[in-house]
Amino acid sequence: MNRSISSRRAWLQAAACTVALCGSFAPVHAQTYPTKPIKLVVPFPAGGATDVLARVIGEKMAASMGQPVIVDNRAGAAGIIGTDAVAKSAPDGYTIVLSLSNSLLTNQFLYEKLPYDPQRDLTMVYQIAAAPLVLVVHPSMPVKTAPELLKYVSANKGKVAYGSYGIGAYPHLAGAHMSLTQQADMNHVAYKGEAPMITDLISGQIQMAFASALVAKPHIEAGKLRAIGVSGERRMSVLPNVPTLAEQGLKDEAYRVTGWLAIALPAKTPQPIVQRIADEVRKATQQPDVQTRIAAMGFEVKDSSPEAFAAAYKQERPVWERLIKQSGAKLE
């Protein structure tokens, strides 16, 4: 009996030690993190704005954290392939994704079978920048302001075509909203990227589109495109003379939301590591040279945190869900 009790006590003590060790693993791991190179996955091709931003921020993080930050481009399926790879990786802080709002938020409403659930499989860490777009028209369009554009598309039902760089992307959703609210019956033309969309807009094959400032600005300055307004709540620093659509009376949420670029980690990543990554990204994006690069791309630098990102995500999620349902967009 005594031996049995003694054995039981020994077993319980061993179990308690095991629990204590396991419980202390995450904090100890977080304190020593990082001890090896960090992989920064960009789910889009090299050379694009997201990739450029990742390399700029990764360089700053590497210098601060004392470990290489290796950018890994895993393009395909509107950001799904790379984002899914991160969602399914070990939650140890060594695999991070820097992506757009489509793969982190809107794809869950657009695709019938998404291989990951952004809210279940990922931890949102830091919003780096908002990505407002500029609404541009072909110079032949007899409009110069947003109210004039609304009147024109309404009066020319079925005669106006707008472009986008993919079904379910913001240019599609905003254009569909305008068409529906103005009963304009506009034609949507989806392109495989922004460059061919702009080419057709300049040639007059389509009449209007929402585009990035990075791509549209040279054509606006050359008089090949006319800027009508920008999405979001504030004017772009690279297009300071172009008013927001909201300033011009277009108060609908469809014109006030913007896409964004952000950092996410696999779900269940220890909170100290999540906070460390957030702190490092914030430190990088607060540096003047990084802010200049971000602004030059037409993006708006965010001062974020895991908590602020979570709150923004919660607020925007139903807006994007409504816009996608309204557009009727659905992909397999």
C-alpha atoms as a PDB file:
ATOM      1  CA  MET A   1       0.000   0.000   0.000  1.00  0.00           C
ATOM      2  CA  ASN A   2       2.745   2.402   1.007  1.00  0.00           C
ATOM      3  CA  ARG A   3       4.734   1.512  -2.084  1.00  0.00           C
ATOM      4  CA  SER A   4       1.614   2.112  -4.175  1.00  0.00           C
ATOM      5  CA  ILE A   5       1.032   5.521  -2.606  1.00  0.00           C
ATOM      6  CA  SER A   6       4.706   6.392  -2.993  1.00  0.00           C
ATOM      7  CA  SER A   7       4.655   5.362  -6.658  1.00  0.00           C
ATOM      8  CA  ARG A   8       1.512   7.387  -7.265  1.00  0.00           C
ATOM      9  CA  ARG A   9       3.091  10.456  -5.639  1.00  0.00           C
ATOM     10  CA  ALA A  10       6.204  10.019  -7.796  1.00  0.00           C
ATOM     11  CA  TRP A  11       4.060   9.748 -10.914  1.00  0.00           C
ATOM     12  CA  LEU A  12       2.111  12.886  -9.999  1.00  0.00           C
ATOM     13  CA  GLN A  13       5.333  14.802  -9.317  1.00  0.00           C
ATOM     14  CA  ALA A  14       6.747  13.717 -12.675  1.00  0.00           C
ATOM     15  CA  ALA A  15       3.543  14.753 -14.418  1.00  0.00           C
ATOM     16  CA  ALA A  16       3.603  18.110 -12.656  1.00  0.00           C
ATOM     17  CA  CYS A  17       7.186  18.669 -13.767  1.00  0.00           C
ATOM     18  CA  THR A  18       6.252  17.804 -17.352  1.00  0.00           C
ATOM     19  CA  VAL A  19       3.365  20.273 -17.314  1.00  0.00           C
ATOM     20  CA  ALA A  20       5.604  22.942 -15.839  1.00  0.00           C
ATOM     21  CA  LEU A  21       8.218  22.369 -18.505  1.00  0.00           C
ATOM     22  CA  CYS A  22       5.653  22.426 -21.293  1.00  0.00           C
ATOM     23  CA  GLY A  23       4.019  25.503 -19.887  1.00  0.00           C
ATOM     24  CA  SER A  24       7.316  27.322 -19.699  1.00  0.00           C
ATOM     25  CA  PHE A  25       8.372  26.378 -23.244  1.00  0.00           C
ATOM     26  CA  ALA A  26       6.537  29.187 -25.041  1.00  0.00           C
ATOM     27  CA  PRO A  27       7.863  32.039 -22.847  1.00  0.00           C
ATOM     28  CA  VAL A  28      11.421  30.662 -22.954  1.00  0.00           C
ATOM     29  CA  HIS A  29      11.174  30.209 -26.730  1.00  0.00           C
ATOM     30  CA  ALA A  30       9.831  33.742 -27.089  1.00  0.00           C
ATOM     31  CA  GLN A  31      12.665  35.156 -24.985  1.00  0.00           C
ATOM     32  CA  THR A  32      15.330  33.607 -27.225  1.00  0.00           C
ATOM     33  CA  TYR A  33      13.481  34.289 -30.500  1.00  0.00           C
ATOM     34  CA  PRO A  34      14.784  34.542 -33.172  1.00  0.00           C
ATOM     35  CA  THR A  35      17.628  32.034 -33.336  1.00  0.00           C
ATOM     36  CA  LYS A  36      17.484  31.286 -37.072  1.00  0.00           C
ATOM     37  CA  PRO A  37      16.464  32.956 -40.365  1.00  0.00           C
ATOM     38  CA  ILE A  38      12.862  34.128 -40.753  1.00  0.00           C
ATOM     39  CA  LYS A  39      10.898  33.409 -43.915  1.00  0.00           C
ATOM     40  CA  LEU A  40       8.708  36.289 -45.125  1.00  0.00           C
ATOM     41  CA  VAL A  41       6.235  34.846 -47.620  1.00  0.00           C
ATOM     42  CA  VAL A  42       4.834  37.147 -50.305  1.00  0.00           C
ATOM     43  CA  PRO A  43       1.949  35.375 -52.102  1.00  0.00           C
ATOM     44  CA  PHE A  44       2.460  37.419 -55.275  1.00  0.00           C
ATOM     45  CA  PRO A  45       5.133  37.560 -58.009  1.00  0.00           C
ATOM     46  CA  ALA A  46       8.458  39.301 -57.500  1.00  0.00           C
ATOM     47  CA  GLY A  47       8.672  42.895 -58.650  1.00  0.00           C
ATOM     48  CA  GLY A  48       5.207  44.041 -57.600  1.00  0.00           C
ATOM     49  CA  ALA A  49       4.478  46.628 -54.924  1.00  0.00           C
ATOM     50  CA  THR A  50       3.848  43.987 -52.242  1.00  0.00           C
ATOM     51  CA  ASP A  51       7.153  42.288 -53.018  1.00  0.00           C
ATOM     52  CA  VAL A  52       9.084  45.571 -53.013  1.00  0.00           C
ATOM     53  CA  LEU A  53       7.564  46.542 -49.676  1.00  0.00           C
ATOM     54  CA  ALA A  54       8.389  43.133 -48.183  1.00  0.00           C
ATOM     55  CA  ARG A  55      12.032  43.446 -49.175  1.00  0.00           C
ATOM     56  CA  VAL A  56      12.322  46.955 -47.751  1.00  0.00           C
ATOM     57  CA  ILE A  57      10.739  45.962 -44.426  1.00  0.00           C
ATOM     58  CA  GLY A  58      12.535  42.613 -44.309  1.00  0.00           C
ATOM     59  CA  GLU A  59      15.895  44.340 -44.617  1.00  0.00           C
ATOM     60  CA  LYS A  60      15.099  46.628 -41.683  1.00  0.00           C
ATOM     61  CA  MET A  61      13.806  43.733 -39.561  1.00  0.00           C
ATOM     62  CA  ALA A  62      16.895  41.646 -40.258  1.00  0.00           C
ATOM     63  CA  ALA A  63      19.197  44.445 -39.130  1.00  0.00           C
ATOM     64  CA  SER A  64      17.199  44.918 -35.931  1.00  0.00           C
ATOM     65  CA  MET A  65      16.591  41.252 -35.054  1.00  0.00           C
ATOM     66  CA  GLY A  66      20.035  39.926 -35.885  1.00  0.00           C
ATOM     67  CA  GLN A  67      18.759  37.197 -38.210  1.00  0.00           C
ATOM     68  CA  PRO A  68      18.239  37.122 -41.990  1.00  0.00           C
ATOM     69  CA  VAL A  69      14.691  37.762 -43.216  1.00  0.00           C
ATOM     70  CA  ILE A  70      14.302  35.849 -46.479  1.00  0.00           C
ATOM     71  CA  VAL A  71      11.534  36.915 -48.867  1.00  0.00           C
ATOM     72  CA  ASP A  72       9.838  33.876 -50.410  1.00  0.00           C
ATOM     73  CA  ASN A  73       7.541  34.604 -53.377  1.00  0.00           C
ATOM     74  CA  ARG A  74       4.790  31.983 -53.563  1.00  0.00           C
ATOM     75  CA  ALA A  75       2.468  33.415 -56.152  1.00  0.00           C
ATOM     76  CA  GLY A  76      -0.775  32.026 -57.474  1.00  0.00           C
ATOM     77  CA  ALA A  77      -4.549  31.932 -57.078  1.00  0.00           C
ATOM     78  CA  ALA A  78      -5.034  35.543 -55.908  1.00  0.00           C
ATOM     79  CA  GLY A  79      -2.632  35.107 -52.999  1.00  0.00           C
ATOM     80  CA  ILE A  80      -4.212  31.861 -51.798  1.00  0.00           C
ATOM     81  CA  ILE A  81      -1.239  29.531 -52.362  1.00  0.00           C
ATOM     82  CA  GLY A  82       1.285  31.514 -50.341  1.00  0.00           C
ATOM     83  CA  THR A  83      -1.153  32.482 -47.602  1.00  0.00           C
ATOM     84  CA  ASP A  84      -2.290  28.877 -47.210  1.00  0.00           C
ATOM     85  CA  ALA A  85       1.333  27.740 -46.856  1.00  0.00           C
ATOM     86  CA  VAL A  86       1.810  30.142 -43.948  1.00  0.00           C
ATOM     87  CA  ALA A  87      -1.513  29.187 -42.342  1.00  0.00           C
ATOM     88  CA  LYS A  88      -0.373  25.544 -42.297  1.00  0.00           C
ATOM     89  CA  SER A  89       3.195  26.205 -41.089  1.00  0.00           C
ATOM     90  CA  ALA A  90       4.505  25.829 -37.542  1.00  0.00           C
ATOM     91  CA  PRO A  91       3.352  28.632 -35.206  1.00  0.00           C
ATOM     92  CA  ASP A  92       6.876  29.493 -34.105  1.00  0.00           C
ATOM     93  CA  GLY A  93       7.393  32.931 -35.647  1.00  0.00           C
ATOM     94  CA  TYR A  94       9.718  31.749 -38.398  1.00  0.00           C
ATOM     95  CA  THR A  95       7.162  31.845 -41.215  1.00  0.00           C
ATOM     96  CA  ILE A  96       5.342  35.139 -41.796  1.00  0.00           C
ATOM     97  CA  VAL A  97       3.091  36.349 -44.601  1.00  0.00           C
ATOM     98  CA  LEU A  98       3.017  39.886 -45.957  1.00  0.00           C
ATOM     99  CA  SER A  99      -0.060  40.128 -48.124  1.00  0.00           C
ATOM    100  CA  LEU A 100      -2.954  42.206 -49.354  1.00  0.00           C
ATOM    101  CA  SER A 101      -6.435  42.314 -47.898  1.00  0.00           C
ATOM    102  CA  ASN A 102      -7.746  39.976 -50.568  1.00  0.00           C
ATOM    103  CA  SER A 103      -5.955  36.866 -49.266  1.00  0.00           C
ATOM    104  CA  LEU A 104      -6.321  37.877 -45.607  1.00  0.00           C
ATOM    105  CA  LEU A 105      -9.934  39.038 -45.673  1.00  0.00           C
ATOM    106  CA  THR A 106     -12.052  39.173 -48.846  1.00  0.00           C
ATOM    107  CA  ASN A 107     -11.211  35.791 -50.379  1.00  0.00           C
ATOM    108  CA  GLN A 108     -13.206  34.070 -47.636  1.00  0.00           C
ATOM    109  CA  PHE A 109     -16.386  35.572 -49.104  1.00  0.00           C
ATOM    110  CA  LEU A 110     -15.375  35.225 -52.735  1.00  0.00           C
ATOM    111  CA  TYR A 111     -14.213  31.624 -52.991  1.00  0.00           C
ATOM    112  CA  GLU A 112     -16.531  28.693 -52.375  1.00  0.00           C
ATOM    113  CA  LYS A 113     -13.676  26.456 -51.209  1.00  0.00           C
ATOM    114  CA  LEU A 114     -10.860  28.383 -49.538  1.00  0.00           C
ATOM    115  CA  PRO A 115      -8.211  25.982 -48.134  1.00  0.00           C
ATOM    116  CA  TYR A 116      -7.767  28.107 -45.023  1.00  0.00           C
ATOM    117  CA  ASP A 117      -9.965  30.209 -42.752  1.00  0.00           C
ATOM    118  CA  PRO A 118      -8.276  33.593 -42.149  1.00  0.00           C
ATOM    119  CA  GLN A 119      -9.908  34.022 -38.757  1.00  0.00           C
ATOM    120  CA  ARG A 120      -9.265  30.472 -37.570  1.00  0.00           C
ATOM    121  CA  ASP A 121      -5.895  29.675 -39.134  1.00  0.00           C
ATOM    122  CA  LEU A 122      -4.099  33.024 -39.002  1.00  0.00           C
ATOM    123  CA  THR A 123      -3.206  35.640 -36.413  1.00  0.00           C
ATOM    124  CA  MET A 124      -3.441  39.179 -37.752  1.00  0.00           C
ATOM    125  CA  VAL A 125      -0.361  41.046 -36.552  1.00  0.00           C
ATOM    126  CA  TYR A 126       0.101  44.467 -38.144  1.00  0.00           C
ATOM    127  CA  GLN A 127      -1.497  46.644 -40.820  1.00  0.00           C
ATOM    128  CA  ILE A 128       1.409  48.221 -42.669  1.00  0.00           C
ATOM    129  CA  ALA A 129      -0.435  50.534 -45.028  1.00  0.00           C
ATOM    130  CA  ALA A 130      -3.806  51.360 -46.502  1.00  0.00           C
ATOM    131  CA  ALA A 131      -4.006  51.059 -50.276  1.00  0.00           C
ATOM    132  CA  PRO A 132      -6.479  53.610 -51.655  1.00  0.00           C
ATOM    133  CA  LEU A 133      -7.102  53.707 -55.388  1.00  0.00           C
ATOM    134  CA  VAL A 134      -7.729  56.531 -57.824  1.00  0.00           C
ATOM    135  CA  LEU A 135     -10.813  56.513 -60.029  1.00  0.00           C
ATOM    136  CA  VAL A 136      -9.692  57.425 -63.542  1.00  0.00           C
ATOM    137  CA  VAL A 137     -11.586  57.873 -66.791  1.00  0.00           C
ATOM    138  CA  HIS A 138     -10.664  58.146 -70.445  1.00  0.00           C
ATOM    139  CA  PRO A 139     -10.250  61.841 -71.420  1.00  0.00           C
ATOM    140  CA  SER A 140     -13.121  61.515 -73.891  1.00  0.00           C
ATOM    141  CA  MET A 141     -15.539  61.148 -70.981  1.00  0.00           C
ATOM    142  CA  PRO A 142     -17.321  64.522 -70.507  1.00  0.00           C
ATOM    143  CA  VAL A 143     -16.896  64.479 -66.722  1.00  0.00           C
ATOM    144  CA  LYS A 144     -14.416  66.019 -64.291  1.00  0.00           C
ATOM    145  CA  THR A 145     -15.962  65.295 -60.897  1.00  0.00           C
ATOM    146  CA  ALA A 146     -17.537  62.330 -59.146  1.00  0.00           C
ATOM    147  CA  PRO A 147     -21.080  63.783 -59.163  1.00  0.00           C
ATOM    148  CA  GLU A 148     -20.756  64.446 -62.902  1.00  0.00           C
ATOM    149  CA  LEU A 149     -19.633  60.858 -63.428  1.00  0.00           C
ATOM    150  CA  LEU A 150     -22.630  59.470 -61.550  1.00  0.00           C
ATOM    151  CA  LYS A 151     -25.006  61.552 -63.661  1.00  0.00           C
ATOM    152  CA  TYR A 152     -23.281  60.470 -66.859  1.00  0.00           C
ATOM    153  CA  VAL A 153     -23.352  56.710 -66.217  1.00  0.00           C
ATOM    154  CA  SER A 154     -26.966  56.975 -65.107  1.00  0.00           C
ATOM    155  CA  ALA A 155     -27.944  58.865 -68.272  1.00  0.00           C
ATOM    156  CA  ASN A 156     -25.992  56.452 -70.511  1.00  0.00           C
ATOM    157  CA  LYS A 157     -27.351  53.154 -69.307  1.00  0.00           C
ATOM    158  CA  GLY A 158     -25.479  50.155 -70.684  1.00  0.00           C
ATOM    159  CA  LYS A 159     -22.964  52.293 -72.590  1.00  0.00           C
ATOM    160  CA  VAL A 160     -20.145  52.555 -70.037  1.00  0.00           C
ATOM    161  CA  ALA A 161     -17.587  49.798 -69.389  1.00  0.00           C
ATOM    162  CA  TYR A 162     -15.351  49.694 -66.334  1.00  0.00           C
ATOM    163  CA  GLY A 163     -12.283  47.565 -65.810  1.00  0.00           C
ATOM    164  CA  SER A 164     -10.794  45.631 -62.914  1.00  0.00           C
ATOM    165  CA  TYR A 165      -7.747  43.468 -62.364  1.00  0.00           C
ATOM    166  CA  GLY A 166      -9.801  40.497 -61.227  1.00  0.00           C
ATOM    167  CA  ILE A 167     -13.258  39.359 -60.195  1.00  0.00           C
ATOM    168  CA  GLY A 168     -13.883  40.316 -56.575  1.00  0.00           C
ATOM    169  CA  ALA A 169     -11.057  42.872 -56.459  1.00  0.00           C
ATOM    170  CA  TYR A 170     -11.919  46.347 -55.181  1.00  0.00           C
ATOM    171  CA  PRO A 171     -12.171  47.912 -58.686  1.00  0.00           C
ATOM    172  CA  HIS A 172     -14.799  45.307 -59.533  1.00  0.00           C
ATOM    173  CA  LEU A 173     -16.737  45.721 -56.285  1.00  0.00           C
ATOM    174  CA  ALA A 174     -16.722  49.546 -56.379  1.00  0.00           C
ATOM    175  CA  GLY A 175     -17.713  49.595 -60.050  1.00  0.00           C
ATOM    176  CA  ALA A 176     -20.513  47.100 -59.438  1.00  0.00           C
ATOM    177  CA  HIS A 177     -21.773  49.240 -56.564  1.00  0.00           C
ATOM    178  CA  MET A 178     -21.794  52.351 -58.736  1.00  0.00           C
ATOM    179  CA  SER A 179     -23.605  50.522 -61.517  1.00  0.00           C
ATOM    180  CA  LEU A 180     -26.244  49.160 -59.156  1.00  0.00           C
ATOM    181  CA  THR A 181     -26.896  52.365 -57.217  1.00  0.00           C
ATOM    182  CA  GLN A 182     -27.094  54.468 -60.386  1.00  0.00           C
ATOM    183  CA  GLN A 183     -29.071  51.826 -62.305  1.00  0.00           C
ATOM    184  CA  ALA A 184     -26.417  52.279 -64.994  1.00  0.00           C
ATOM    185  CA  ASP A 185     -26.114  48.675 -66.186  1.00  0.00           C
ATOM    186  CA  MET A 186     -22.380  49.196 -66.744  1.00  0.00           C
ATOM    187  CA  ASN A 187     -20.278  46.460 -68.322  1.00  0.00           C
ATOM    188  CA  HIS A 188     -17.534  44.913 -66.204  1.00  0.00           C
ATOM    189  CA  VAL A 189     -14.330  43.796 -67.941  1.00  0.00           C
ATOM    190  CA  ALA A 190     -11.965  41.723 -65.788  1.00  0.00           C
ATOM    191  CA  TYR A 191      -8.287  41.690 -66.755  1.00  0.00           C
ATOM    192  CA  LYS A 192      -5.392  39.487 -65.706  1.00  0.00           C
ATOM    193  CA  GLY A 193      -3.583  42.312 -63.985  1.00  0.00           C
ATOM    194  CA  GLU A 194      -3.574  46.091 -63.735  1.00  0.00           C
ATOM    195  CA  ALA A 195      -1.233  46.775 -66.687  1.00  0.00           C
ATOM    196  CA  PRO A 196      -3.549  45.405 -69.420  1.00  0.00           C
ATOM    197  CA  MET A 197      -6.498  47.154 -67.773  1.00  0.00           C
ATOM    198  CA  ILE A 198      -4.731  50.521 -67.980  1.00  0.00           C
ATOM    199  CA  THR A 199      -3.648  49.849 -71.559  1.00  0.00           C
ATOM    200  CA  ASP A 200      -7.261  49.316 -72.626  1.00  0.00           C
ATOM    201  CA  LEU A 201      -8.433  52.329 -70.645  1.00  0.00           C
ATOM    202  CA  ILE A 202      -5.896  54.591 -72.360  1.00  0.00           C
ATOM    203  CA  SER A 203      -6.925  53.240 -75.774  1.00  0.00           C
ATOM    204  CA  GLY A 204     -10.613  53.809 -75.001  1.00  0.00           C
ATOM    205  CA  GLN A 205     -11.656  50.156 -74.966  1.00  0.00           C
ATOM    206  CA  ILE A 206     -13.138  50.800 -71.516  1.00  0.00           C
ATOM    207  CA  GLN A 207     -14.180  54.156 -70.071  1.00  0.00           C
ATOM    208  CA  MET A 208     -13.298  54.036 -66.379  1.00  0.00           C
ATOM    209  CA  ALA A 209     -11.442  52.079 -63.704  1.00  0.00           C
ATOM    210  CA  PHE A 210     -10.073  52.237 -60.185  1.00  0.00           C
ATOM    211  CA  ALA A 211      -6.272  52.017 -60.369  1.00  0.00           C
ATOM    212  CA  SER A 212      -3.216  52.316 -58.159  1.00  0.00           C
ATOM    213  CA  ALA A 213      -1.512  55.694 -58.028  1.00  0.00           C
ATOM    214  CA  LEU A 214       1.788  53.972 -58.832  1.00  0.00           C
ATOM    215  CA  VAL A 215       0.473  52.886 -62.237  1.00  0.00           C
ATOM    216  CA  ALA A 216      -2.001  55.681 -63.015  1.00  0.00           C
ATOM    217  CA  LYS A 217      -0.064  58.790 -61.978  1.00  0.00           C
ATOM    218  CA  PRO A 218       2.276  59.012 -65.017  1.00  0.00           C
ATOM    219  CA  HIS A 219      -0.700  58.692 -67.376  1.00  0.00           C
ATOM    220  CA  ILE A 220      -2.682  61.286 -65.424  1.00  0.00           C
ATOM    221  CA  GLU A 221       0.238  63.724 -65.660  1.00  0.00           C
ATOM    222  CA  ALA A 222       0.595  63.002 -69.379  1.00  0.00           C
ATOM    223  CA  GLY A 223      -3.090  63.738 -69.968  1.00  0.00           C
ATOM    224  CA  LYS A 224      -3.852  60.192 -71.110  1.00  0.00           C
ATOM    225  CA  LEU A 225      -6.177  59.632 -68.153  1.00  0.00           C
ATOM    226  CA  ARG A 226      -8.307  61.976 -66.041  1.00  0.00           C
ATOM    227  CA  ALA A 227      -8.425  61.551 -62.264  1.00  0.00           C
ATOM    228  CA  ILE A 228     -11.910  61.853 -60.777  1.00  0.00           C
ATOM    229  CA  GLY A 229     -11.293  61.046 -57.116  1.00  0.00           C
ATOM    230  CA  VAL A 230      -9.629  58.661 -54.686  1.00  0.00           C
ATOM    231  CA  SER A 231     -11.116  56.032 -52.400  1.00  0.00           C
ATOM    232  CA  GLY A 232     -10.688  56.091 -48.639  1.00  0.00           C
ATOM    233  CA  GLU A 233     -10.930  58.854 -46.084  1.00  0.00           C
ATOM    234  CA  ARG A 234      -7.885  60.958 -46.988  1.00  0.00           C
ATOM    235  CA  ARG A 235      -6.233  62.325 -50.103  1.00  0.00           C
ATOM    236  CA  MET A 236      -3.123  60.579 -51.394  1.00  0.00           C
ATOM    237  CA  SER A 237       0.156  62.347 -50.722  1.00  0.00           C
ATOM    238  CA  VAL A 238       1.269  61.528 -54.284  1.00  0.00           C
ATOM    239  CA  LEU A 239      -1.952  63.017 -55.737  1.00  0.00           C
ATOM    240  CA  PRO A 240      -2.662  65.873 -53.300  1.00  0.00           C
ATOM    241  CA  ASN A 241      -4.881  67.807 -55.721  1.00  0.00           C
ATOM    242  CA  VAL A 242      -7.250  64.903 -56.336  1.00  0.00           C
ATOM    243  CA  PRO A 243     -10.109  64.992 -53.811  1.00  0.00           C
ATOM    244  CA  THR A 244     -11.526  61.885 -52.200  1.00  0.00           C
ATOM    245  CA  LEU A 245     -14.823  60.575 -53.490  1.00  0.00           C
ATOM    246  CA  ALA A 246     -16.244  61.145 -50.004  1.00  0.00           C
ATOM    247  CA  GLU A 247     -15.265  64.834 -50.209  1.00  0.00           C
ATOM    248  CA  GLN A 248     -17.352  65.046 -53.366  1.00  0.00           C
ATOM    249  CA  GLY A 249     -20.438  63.624 -51.717  1.00  0.00           C
ATOM    250  CA  LEU A 250     -20.015  59.902 -52.414  1.00  0.00           C
ATOM    251  CA  LYS A 251     -20.467  58.824 -48.797  1.00  0.00           C
ATOM    252  CA  ASP A 252     -21.278  55.149 -49.444  1.00  0.00           C
ATOM    253  CA  GLU A 253     -19.049  52.694 -47.577  1.00  0.00           C
ATOM    254  CA  ALA A 254     -18.020  51.212 -50.930  1.00  0.00           C
ATOM    255  CA  TYR A 255     -16.023  54.375 -51.665  1.00  0.00           C
ATOM    256  CA  ARG A 256     -14.662  54.876 -48.147  1.00  0.00           C
ATOM    257  CA  VAL A 257     -13.035  51.498 -47.555  1.00  0.00           C
ATOM    258  CA  THR A 258      -9.626  50.661 -48.958  1.00  0.00           C
ATOM    259  CA  GLY A 259      -7.536  47.598 -49.424  1.00  0.00           C
ATOM    260  CA  TRP A 260      -4.443  47.246 -47.270  1.00  0.00           C
ATOM    261  CA  LEU A 261      -1.122  45.482 -46.852  1.00  0.00           C
ATOM    262  CA  ALA A 262      -0.502  43.602 -43.638  1.00  0.00           C
ATOM    263  CA  ILE A 263       1.498  41.012 -41.738  1.00  0.00           C
ATOM    264  CA  ALA A 264      -0.011  37.782 -40.401  1.00  0.00           C
ATOM    265  CA  LEU A 265       1.301  34.698 -38.603  1.00  0.00           C
ATOM    266  CA  PRO A 266      -0.027  31.156 -38.181  1.00  0.00           C
ATOM    267  CA  ALA A 267      -2.710  30.817 -35.517  1.00  0.00           C
ATOM    268  CA  LYS A 268      -1.496  29.798 -32.045  1.00  0.00           C
ATOM    269  CA  THR A 269       1.806  31.658 -32.421  1.00  0.00           C
ATOM    270  CA  PRO A 270       2.829  32.607 -28.847  1.00  0.00           C
ATOM    271  CA  GLN A 271       1.696  36.117 -27.978  1.00  0.00           C
ATOM    272  CA  PRO A 272       5.201  37.361 -27.052  1.00  0.00           C
ATOM    273  CA  ILE A 273       6.389  36.447 -30.558  1.00  0.00           C
ATOM    274  CA  VAL A 274       3.332  38.082 -32.145  1.00  0.00           C
ATOM    275  CA  GLN A 275       4.102  41.263 -30.215  1.00  0.00           C
ATOM    276  CA  ARG A 276       7.809  41.098 -31.112  1.00  0.00           C
ATOM    277  CA  ILE A 277       7.008  40.861 -34.823  1.00  0.00           C
ATOM    278  CA  ALA A 278       4.494  43.725 -34.529  1.00  0.00           C
ATOM    279  CA  ASP A 279       7.073  45.878 -32.713  1.00  0.00           C
ATOM    280  CA  GLU A 280       9.728  45.161 -35.340  1.00  0.00           C
ATOM    281  CA  VAL A 281       7.390  45.936 -38.248  1.00  0.00           C
ATOM    282  CA  ARG A 282       6.313  49.163 -36.575  1.00  0.00           C
ATOM    283  CA  LYS A 283       9.951  50.127 -35.977  1.00  0.00           C
ATOM    284  CA  ALA A 284      10.702  49.496 -39.652  1.00  0.00           C
ATOM    285  CA  THR A 285       7.719  51.396 -41.029  1.00  0.00           C
ATOM    286  CA  GLN A 286       8.358  54.399 -38.800  1.00  0.00           C
ATOM    287  CA  GLN A 287      11.757  55.010 -40.407  1.00  0.00           C
ATOM    288  CA  PRO A 288      11.669  58.028 -42.764  1.00  0.00           C
ATOM    289  CA  ASP A 289      13.155  56.254 -45.775  1.00  0.00           C
ATOM    290  CA  VAL A 290      10.595  53.434 -45.504  1.00  0.00           C
ATOM    291  CA  GLN A 291       7.737  55.895 -45.143  1.00  0.00           C
ATOM    292  CA  THR A 292       8.960  57.705 -48.259  1.00  0.00           C
ATOM    293  CA  ARG A 293       8.985  54.431 -50.220  1.00  0.00           C
ATOM    294  CA  ILE A 294       5.505  53.521 -49.036  1.00  0.00           C
ATOM    295  CA  ALA A 295       4.084  56.953 -49.873  1.00  0.00           C
ATOM    296  CA  ALA A 296       5.686  56.857 -53.334  1.00  0.00           C
ATOM    297  CA  MET A 297       3.695  53.691 -54.042  1.00  0.00           C
ATOM    298  CA  GLY A 298       0.494  55.577 -53.308  1.00  0.00           C
ATOM    299  CA  PHE A 299      -0.032  53.839 -49.968  1.00  0.00           C
ATOM    300  CA  GLU A 300      -0.864  55.414 -46.627  1.00  0.00           C
ATOM    301  CA  VAL A 301       1.358  54.328 -43.723  1.00  0.00           C
ATOM    302  CA  LYS A 302      -0.574  52.923 -40.756  1.00  0.00           C
ATOM    303  CA  ASP A 303       0.489  53.103 -37.104  1.00  0.00           C
ATOM    304  CA  SER A 304      -0.861  49.735 -36.055  1.00  0.00           C
ATOM    305  CA  SER A 305      -0.680  46.954 -33.455  1.00  0.00           C
ATOM    306  CA  PRO A 306      -2.222  43.483 -33.091  1.00  0.00           C
ATOM    307  CA  GLU A 307      -5.107  44.991 -31.143  1.00  0.00           C
ATOM    308  CA  ALA A 308      -5.704  47.852 -33.585  1.00  0.00           C
ATOM    309  CA  PHE A 309      -5.539  45.460 -36.538  1.00  0.00           C
ATOM    310  CA  ALA A 310      -8.040  43.093 -34.907  1.00  0.00           C
ATOM    311  CA  ALA A 311     -10.455  45.969 -34.302  1.00  0.00           C
ATOM    312  CA  ALA A 312     -10.141  47.264 -37.876  1.00  0.00           C
ATOM    313  CA  TYR A 313     -10.587  43.754 -39.266  1.00  0.00           C
ATOM    314  CA  LYS A 314     -13.754  43.243 -37.247  1.00  0.00           C
ATOM    315  CA  GLN A 315     -15.164  46.569 -38.450  1.00  0.00           C
ATOM    316  CA  GLU A 316     -14.339  46.071 -42.142  1.00  0.00           C
ATOM    317  CA  ARG A 317     -15.262  42.398 -42.463  1.00  0.00           C
ATOM    318  CA  PRO A 318     -19.047  42.902 -42.848  1.00  0.00           C
ATOM    319  CA  VAL A 319     -18.517  45.787 -45.286  1.00  0.00           C
ATOM    320  CA  TRP A 320     -16.505  43.632 -47.683  1.00  0.00           C
ATOM    321  CA  GLU A 321     -18.926  40.759 -47.252  1.00  0.00           C
ATOM    322  CA  ARG A 322     -21.827  43.010 -48.285  1.00  0.00           C
ATOM    323  CA  LEU A 323     -19.949  44.406 -51.300  1.00  0.00           C
ATOM    324  CA  ILE A 324     -19.066  40.950 -52.574  1.00  0.00           C
ATOM    325  CA  LYS A 325     -22.606  39.647 -52.143  1.00  0.00           C
ATOM    326  CA  GLN A 326     -23.965  42.744 -53.870  1.00  0.00           C
ATOM    327  CA  SER A 327     -21.630  42.245 -56.834  1.00  0.00           C
ATOM    328  CA  GLY A 328     -22.654  38.619 -57.236  1.00  0.00           C
ATOM    329  CA  ALA A 329     -18.983  37.642 -57.552  1.00  0.00           C
ATOM    330  CA  LYS A 330     -18.200  33.995 -56.780  1.00  0.00           C
ATOM    331  CA  LEU A 331     -15.160  31.868 -57.611  1.00  0.00           C
ATOM    332  CA  GLU A 332     -14.389  28.188 -57.127  1.00  0.00           C
END
